Amino acid sequence: MRLDMRGLGQDEPLKRIRDILRNSCPEDEIIEVLIDSEQNAKRLRAFMSMSGCNVELLREGPQWIVKMTGKNCNCQ
């Protein structure tokens, strides 16, 4: 699943990811979130890491990609 969250306000990406994880835990799925703010990318990575998921933060040109694999997640 690839989610484009570029251009969203400071808290909006975090709220959307929280809702996604509450509604469907991505056990064998990879979620990639495109973000245009380094600060938002780091906040999102920290939040996703708290669930125990494997999380990477990558820079691709002017945007950031927060990549999460559902393996070892505790979404509840």
C-alpha atoms as a PDB file:
ATOM      1  CA  MET A   1       0.000   0.000   0.000  1.00  0.00           C
ATOM      2  CA  ARG A   2       1.424   3.396  -0.953  1.00  0.00           C
ATOM      3  CA  LEU A   3      -0.095   6.479   0.672  1.00  0.00           C
ATOM      4  CA  ASP A   4       0.604  10.000  -0.558  1.00  0.00           C
ATOM      5  CA  MET A   5       0.446  12.356   2.411  1.00  0.00           C
ATOM      6  CA  ARG A   6       2.456  15.193   0.903  1.00  0.00           C
ATOM      7  CA  GLY A   7       1.017  18.615   1.556  1.00  0.00           C
ATOM      8  CA  LEU A   8      -0.884  17.625   4.689  1.00  0.00           C
ATOM      9  CA  GLY A   9      -0.644  19.539   7.956  1.00  0.00           C
ATOM     10  CA  GLN A  10       1.610  18.559  10.829  1.00  0.00           C
ATOM     11  CA  ASP A  11      -0.747  16.138  12.615  1.00  0.00           C
ATOM     12  CA  GLU A  12      -2.781  14.804   9.690  1.00  0.00           C
ATOM     13  CA  PRO A  13      -0.373  12.026   8.500  1.00  0.00           C
ATOM     14  CA  LEU A  14      -0.098  10.703  12.060  1.00  0.00           C
ATOM     15  CA  LYS A  15      -3.884  10.658  12.508  1.00  0.00           C
ATOM     16  CA  ARG A  16      -4.416   8.842   9.217  1.00  0.00           C
ATOM     17  CA  ILE A  17      -1.808   6.169   9.930  1.00  0.00           C
ATOM     18  CA  ARG A  18      -3.191   5.665  13.439  1.00  0.00           C
ATOM     19  CA  ASP A  19      -6.653   5.059  11.953  1.00  0.00           C
ATOM     20  CA  ILE A  20      -5.272   2.639   9.353  1.00  0.00           C
ATOM     21  CA  LEU A  21      -3.434   0.624  12.008  1.00  0.00           C
ATOM     22  CA  ARG A  22      -6.505   0.531  14.256  1.00  0.00           C
ATOM     23  CA  ASN A  23      -8.776  -0.684  11.475  1.00  0.00           C
ATOM     24  CA  SER A  24      -6.508  -3.202   9.755  1.00  0.00           C
ATOM     25  CA  CYS A  25      -3.174  -4.438  11.014  1.00  0.00           C
ATOM     26  CA  PRO A  26      -0.859  -4.930   8.014  1.00  0.00           C
ATOM     27  CA  GLU A  27       0.563  -8.294   9.084  1.00  0.00           C
ATOM     28  CA  ASP A  28       2.106  -9.241   5.736  1.00  0.00           C
ATOM     29  CA  GLU A  29       1.720  -5.922   3.979  1.00  0.00           C
ATOM     30  CA  ILE A  30       4.180  -3.146   3.277  1.00  0.00           C
ATOM     31  CA  ILE A  31       2.966   0.397   3.806  1.00  0.00           C
ATOM     32  CA  GLU A  32       4.884   3.240   2.184  1.00  0.00           C
ATOM     33  CA  VAL A  33       3.944   6.770   3.168  1.00  0.00           C
ATOM     34  CA  LEU A  34       5.137   9.690   1.049  1.00  0.00           C
ATOM     35  CA  ILE A  35       5.780  12.808   3.129  1.00  0.00           C
ATOM     36  CA  ASP A  36       7.226  16.174   2.092  1.00  0.00           C
ATOM     37  CA  SER A  37       8.351  17.250   5.559  1.00  0.00           C
ATOM     38  CA  GLU A  38      11.351  15.749   7.347  1.00  0.00           C
ATOM     39  CA  GLN A  39       9.796  16.570  10.718  1.00  0.00           C
ATOM     40  CA  ASN A  40       6.534  14.783   9.832  1.00  0.00           C
ATOM     41  CA  ALA A  41       8.490  11.814   8.458  1.00  0.00           C
ATOM     42  CA  LYS A  42      10.458  11.443  11.691  1.00  0.00           C
ATOM     43  CA  ARG A  43       7.335  11.776  13.850  1.00  0.00           C
ATOM     44  CA  LEU A  44       5.550   9.173  11.733  1.00  0.00           C
ATOM     45  CA  ARG A  45       8.519   6.791  11.911  1.00  0.00           C
ATOM     46  CA  ALA A  46       8.624   7.118  15.710  1.00  0.00           C
ATOM     47  CA  PHE A  47       4.893   6.458  16.018  1.00  0.00           C
ATOM     48  CA  MET A  48       4.987   3.446  13.709  1.00  0.00           C
ATOM     49  CA  SER A  49       8.024   2.047  15.535  1.00  0.00           C
ATOM     50  CA  MET A  50       6.130   2.135  18.848  1.00  0.00           C
ATOM     51  CA  SER A  51       3.791  -0.527  17.469  1.00  0.00           C
ATOM     52  CA  GLY A  52       6.748  -2.886  17.088  1.00  0.00           C
ATOM     53  CA  CYS A  53       6.695  -2.787  13.290  1.00  0.00           C
ATOM     54  CA  ASN A  54       9.819  -2.726  11.162  1.00  0.00           C
ATOM     55  CA  VAL A  55      10.148   0.876   9.945  1.00  0.00           C
ATOM     56  CA  GLU A  56      12.593   2.567   7.575  1.00  0.00           C
ATOM     57  CA  LEU A  57      12.967   6.237   6.719  1.00  0.00           C
ATOM     58  CA  LEU A  58      14.219   6.961   3.215  1.00  0.00           C
ATOM     59  CA  ARG A  59      14.832  10.208   1.341  1.00  0.00           C
ATOM     60  CA  GLU A  60      13.861  10.337  -2.310  1.00  0.00           C
ATOM     61  CA  GLY A  61      14.560  13.752  -3.813  1.00  0.00           C
ATOM     62  CA  PRO A  62      12.430  16.397  -2.086  1.00  0.00           C
ATOM     63  CA  GLN A  63      10.215  13.833  -0.374  1.00  0.00           C
ATOM     64  CA  TRP A  64      10.561  11.288   2.389  1.00  0.00           C
ATOM     65  CA  ILE A  65       9.278   7.724   2.423  1.00  0.00           C
ATOM     66  CA  VAL A  66       8.353   6.034   5.672  1.00  0.00           C
ATOM     67  CA  LYS A  67       8.265   2.315   4.899  1.00  0.00           C
ATOM     68  CA  MET A  68       6.654  -0.063   7.350  1.00  0.00           C
ATOM     69  CA  THR A  69       6.399  -3.813   7.154  1.00  0.00           C
ATOM     70  CA  GLY A  70       3.724  -5.420   9.274  1.00  0.00           C
ATOM     71  CA  LYS A  71       5.938  -8.238  10.502  1.00  0.00           C
ATOM     72  CA  ASN A  72       6.089  -8.204  14.317  1.00  0.00           C
ATOM     73  CA  CYS A  73       3.439  -5.465  14.577  1.00  0.00           C
ATOM     74  CA  ASN A  74       1.202  -5.033  17.553  1.00  0.00           C
ATOM     75  CA  CYS A  75      -1.439  -2.751  16.071  1.00  0.00           C
ATOM     76  CA  GLN A  76      -4.038  -3.058  18.790  1.00  0.00           C
END
